[in-house]
């Protein structure tokens, strides 16, 4: 018999995620598919509602490469330039790259290093892997762009300078979910739908699904 642990792993991939406890469940009733289209953790909702997808915002989505590859005419190449999972598409179509947007792409550091005259310094502050390419001078930081950066070094700067946070942009930041929970009155709910950290694994549902798969009656 297959060990229960294996069924737990299978269940984690098959049970849809749910919202964090502090986020009201009812907001899913009026969720915006525009922002949700950019959310990697919402791919199950997007695949089930493909007619509601915003293809521009989907081009941001690192979990939606299979959908974008199947619909190349719907790709927004400016937005795709920020997509860390789309480097094979971008490198195959260098003439379509938006170098400003690419400056925020954590998988594109090798291209940015090779094209130092083409990147956008402001967007580098949004790039988790670009700290070595910028000088961290508080008087020169692009705080709007930094507010979307999930890296620890960026979150540390934001926590040390709360008055400079762009809360609309921070609402998208998966590394700032603790700041958003503590300042829920400042959240931009539209942007929040693009934040993958608003979802969690429903461990009870996973356990129940795994047990059903494991038990003789579930096979």
Protein backbone atom coordinates (compact mmCIF):
# COMPACT_ATOMS: atom_id res chain seq x y z
CA UNK A 1 0.00 0.00 0.00
CA UNK A 2 1.19 3.51 -0.81
CA UNK A 3 2.19 5.42 2.39
CA UNK A 4 -0.24 8.06 3.68
CA UNK A 5 2.49 10.72 3.35
CA UNK A 6 2.43 10.27 -0.41
CA UNK A 7 -1.31 10.84 -0.48
CA UNK A 8 -0.79 13.99 1.61
CA UNK A 9 1.56 15.32 -1.05
CA UNK A 10 -0.94 14.47 -3.80
CA UNK A 11 -3.75 16.13 -1.85
CA UNK A 12 -1.76 19.35 -1.42
CA UNK A 13 -1.66 19.67 -5.20
CA UNK A 14 -5.32 18.83 -5.74
CA UNK A 15 -7.05 20.70 -2.90
CA UNK A 16 -7.61 24.37 -3.86
CA UNK A 17 -6.05 26.92 -1.47
CA UNK A 18 -8.25 29.08 0.73
CA UNK A 19 -8.00 32.66 1.99
CA UNK A 20 -6.05 33.51 5.12
CA UNK A 21 -8.16 33.59 8.26
CA UNK A 22 -7.99 37.38 8.69
CA UNK A 23 -9.27 38.08 5.18
CA UNK A 24 -13.10 37.96 5.01
CA UNK A 25 -14.19 35.01 2.90
CA UNK A 26 -17.05 37.00 1.40
CA UNK A 27 -14.68 39.18 -0.63
CA UNK A 28 -14.24 36.30 -3.06
CA UNK A 29 -17.82 36.92 -4.10
CA UNK A 30 -16.84 40.25 -5.62
CA UNK A 31 -13.23 39.53 -6.41
CA UNK A 32 -11.72 41.25 -9.41
CA UNK A 33 -10.52 38.86 -12.09
CA UNK A 34 -8.43 41.74 -13.40
CA UNK A 35 -6.07 41.68 -10.42
CA UNK A 36 -6.68 38.01 -9.70
CA UNK A 37 -5.33 37.20 -13.15
CA UNK A 38 -1.87 38.24 -11.92
CA UNK A 39 -2.02 35.96 -8.87
CA UNK A 40 -0.01 32.69 -9.16
CA UNK A 41 -1.92 31.20 -6.22
CA UNK A 42 -5.25 31.74 -8.00
CA UNK A 43 -4.50 29.67 -11.08
CA UNK A 44 -7.23 27.19 -10.08
CA UNK A 45 -9.82 29.99 -10.20
CA UNK A 46 -8.48 31.35 -13.48
CA UNK A 47 -8.51 27.97 -15.22
CA UNK A 48 -12.12 27.47 -14.08
CA UNK A 49 -13.14 30.94 -15.31
CA UNK A 50 -11.06 31.43 -18.44
CA UNK A 51 -13.66 33.75 -19.96
CA UNK A 52 -13.01 36.25 -17.14
CA UNK A 53 -9.22 36.34 -17.45
CA UNK A 54 -7.48 39.67 -18.00
CA UNK A 55 -4.75 38.59 -20.40
CA UNK A 56 -2.67 41.67 -19.74
CA UNK A 57 -2.53 40.92 -16.03
CA UNK A 58 -2.17 37.19 -16.70
CA UNK A 59 1.08 38.04 -18.47
CA UNK A 60 2.46 38.93 -15.01
CA UNK A 61 1.48 35.52 -13.65
CA UNK A 62 4.37 33.10 -13.14
CA UNK A 63 1.97 30.15 -12.80
CA UNK A 64 0.19 30.87 -16.07
CA UNK A 65 2.94 30.22 -18.59
CA UNK A 66 1.05 27.24 -20.02
CA UNK A 67 -1.97 29.46 -20.69
CA UNK A 68 0.15 32.19 -22.25
CA UNK A 69 2.03 29.74 -24.46
CA UNK A 70 -1.31 28.38 -25.67
CA UNK A 71 -2.51 31.92 -26.45
CA UNK A 72 0.56 33.82 -27.70
CA UNK A 73 -1.56 36.45 -29.46
CA UNK A 74 -2.96 37.51 -26.08
CA UNK A 75 0.40 38.09 -24.38
CA UNK A 76 1.18 41.58 -23.16
CA UNK A 77 4.93 41.66 -23.71
CA UNK A 78 5.49 44.71 -21.50
CA UNK A 79 3.90 42.91 -18.55
CA UNK A 80 5.49 39.59 -19.50
CA UNK A 81 8.89 41.26 -19.17
CA UNK A 82 8.41 41.22 -15.37
CA UNK A 83 7.44 37.52 -15.31
CA UNK A 84 10.20 35.47 -13.69
CA UNK A 85 8.92 32.25 -15.29
CA UNK A 86 8.90 33.65 -18.81
CA UNK A 87 12.61 34.04 -19.53
CA UNK A 88 12.53 31.43 -22.30
CA UNK A 89 9.84 33.44 -24.08
CA UNK A 90 11.62 36.75 -23.54
CA UNK A 91 15.01 35.49 -24.66
CA UNK A 92 13.38 34.02 -27.77
CA UNK A 93 11.77 37.40 -28.52
CA UNK A 94 14.33 40.03 -27.46
CA UNK A 95 12.74 42.67 -29.67
CA UNK A 96 9.58 42.47 -27.56
CA UNK A 97 11.29 43.01 -24.20
CA UNK A 98 10.39 46.10 -22.19
CA UNK A 99 13.69 46.85 -20.46
CA UNK A 100 12.08 49.00 -17.82
CA UNK A 101 9.76 46.18 -16.78
CA UNK A 102 12.53 43.61 -17.20
CA UNK A 103 14.51 45.52 -14.56
CA UNK A 104 12.04 44.18 -11.98
CA UNK A 105 12.38 40.57 -13.16
CA UNK A 106 14.23 38.44 -10.61
CA UNK A 107 15.23 35.91 -13.28
CA UNK A 108 16.69 38.51 -15.63
CA UNK A 109 19.71 39.69 -13.65
CA UNK A 110 22.08 38.09 -16.15
CA UNK A 111 20.51 40.13 -18.95
CA UNK A 112 20.55 43.30 -16.87
CA UNK A 113 24.25 42.84 -16.09
CA UNK A 114 24.99 42.35 -19.77
CA UNK A 115 22.98 45.46 -20.72
CA UNK A 116 23.83 47.97 -18.01
CA UNK A 117 22.78 50.89 -20.15
CA UNK A 118 19.27 49.58 -20.75
CA UNK A 119 17.83 48.86 -17.33
CA UNK A 120 15.60 51.24 -15.38
CA UNK A 121 17.13 52.17 -12.02
CA UNK A 122 13.73 52.78 -10.42
CA UNK A 123 12.41 49.34 -11.34
CA UNK A 124 15.56 47.70 -9.97
CA UNK A 125 14.22 48.51 -6.51
CA UNK A 126 11.34 46.13 -7.25
CA UNK A 127 13.75 43.30 -8.11
CA UNK A 128 14.50 40.89 -5.23
CA UNK A 129 17.77 39.82 -6.86
CA UNK A 130 19.09 43.27 -7.83
CA UNK A 131 20.38 44.61 -4.52
CA UNK A 132 23.97 44.40 -5.79
CA UNK A 133 23.05 46.56 -8.80
CA UNK A 134 21.73 49.46 -6.73
CA UNK A 135 23.10 51.65 -3.99
CA UNK A 136 20.91 51.57 -0.91
CA UNK A 137 20.83 55.27 -0.07
CA UNK A 138 17.59 56.21 1.76
CA UNK A 139 17.56 59.58 -0.01
CA UNK A 140 17.62 57.96 -3.44
CA UNK A 141 15.31 54.97 -2.96
CA UNK A 142 12.33 54.62 -5.26
CA UNK A 143 9.90 53.77 -2.47
CA UNK A 144 6.95 53.03 -4.75
CA UNK A 145 8.94 50.34 -6.53
CA UNK A 146 10.53 49.05 -3.34
CA UNK A 147 7.05 48.55 -1.90
CA UNK A 148 6.45 45.64 -4.26
CA UNK A 149 9.78 43.93 -3.49
CA UNK A 150 9.29 40.77 -1.36
CA UNK A 151 12.98 40.25 -0.51
CA UNK A 152 13.96 40.45 3.16
CA UNK A 153 16.36 43.33 2.54
CA UNK A 154 13.53 45.32 0.98
CA UNK A 155 11.01 44.45 3.70
CA UNK A 156 13.55 45.51 6.34
CA UNK A 157 13.86 48.92 4.66
CA UNK A 158 10.10 49.29 4.45
CA UNK A 159 9.61 48.34 8.10
CA UNK A 160 12.26 50.91 9.08
CA UNK A 161 10.53 53.61 7.00
CA UNK A 162 6.77 53.01 7.33
CA UNK A 163 5.94 56.60 6.40
CA UNK A 164 7.43 56.00 2.93
CA UNK A 165 5.49 52.83 2.13
CA UNK A 166 3.15 52.95 -0.83
CA UNK A 167 0.30 50.94 0.68
CA UNK A 168 -1.50 50.45 -2.62
CA UNK A 169 1.59 48.81 -4.11
CA UNK A 170 2.45 47.00 -0.88
CA UNK A 171 -0.94 45.29 -1.10
CA UNK A 172 0.53 43.18 -3.93
CA UNK A 173 3.69 42.26 -1.99
CA UNK A 174 3.75 38.61 -0.94
CA UNK A 175 6.58 39.28 1.50
CA UNK A 176 4.63 41.97 3.34
CA UNK A 177 1.56 40.01 4.38
CA UNK A 178 2.35 40.60 8.08
CA UNK A 179 2.42 44.36 7.49
CA UNK A 180 -0.85 44.20 5.60
CA UNK A 181 -2.52 42.18 8.35
CA UNK A 182 -1.37 44.73 10.93
CA UNK A 183 -2.57 47.65 8.78
CA UNK A 184 -5.68 46.25 7.14
CA UNK A 185 -7.26 49.72 6.96
CA UNK A 186 -4.53 50.78 4.50
CA UNK A 187 -4.94 47.85 2.11
CA UNK A 188 -5.98 48.39 -1.48
CA UNK A 189 -8.41 45.49 -1.86
CA UNK A 190 -8.29 45.56 -5.64
CA UNK A 191 -4.52 45.12 -5.59
CA UNK A 192 -4.71 42.59 -2.76
CA UNK A 193 -6.25 40.08 -5.16
CA UNK A 194 -2.91 39.97 -7.00
CA UNK A 195 -1.05 38.94 -3.84
CA UNK A 196 -0.33 35.18 -3.75
CA UNK A 197 0.19 35.29 0.02
CA UNK A 198 -3.53 35.88 0.67
CA UNK A 199 -4.08 32.18 0.05
CA UNK A 200 -3.01 29.28 2.25
CA UNK A 201 -3.20 25.52 2.12
CA UNK A 202 -6.33 24.24 3.85
CA UNK A 203 -4.66 21.58 5.98
CA UNK A 204 -7.93 20.08 7.19
CA UNK A 205 -9.16 19.67 3.61
CA UNK A 206 -5.80 18.21 2.60
CA UNK A 207 -5.91 15.70 5.46
CA UNK A 208 -9.46 14.69 4.59
CA UNK A 209 -8.63 14.30 0.90
CA UNK A 210 -5.49 12.29 1.68
CA UNK A 211 -7.45 9.98 3.97
CA UNK A 212 -10.09 9.38 1.29
CA UNK A 213 -7.36 8.52 -1.21
CA UNK A 214 -5.58 6.30 1.32
CA UNK A 215 -8.60 4.40 2.60
CA UNK A 216 -9.75 1.34 0.65
CA UNK A 217 -13.04 3.00 -0.16
CA UNK A 218 -11.24 5.99 -1.68
CA UNK A 219 -9.10 3.98 -4.09
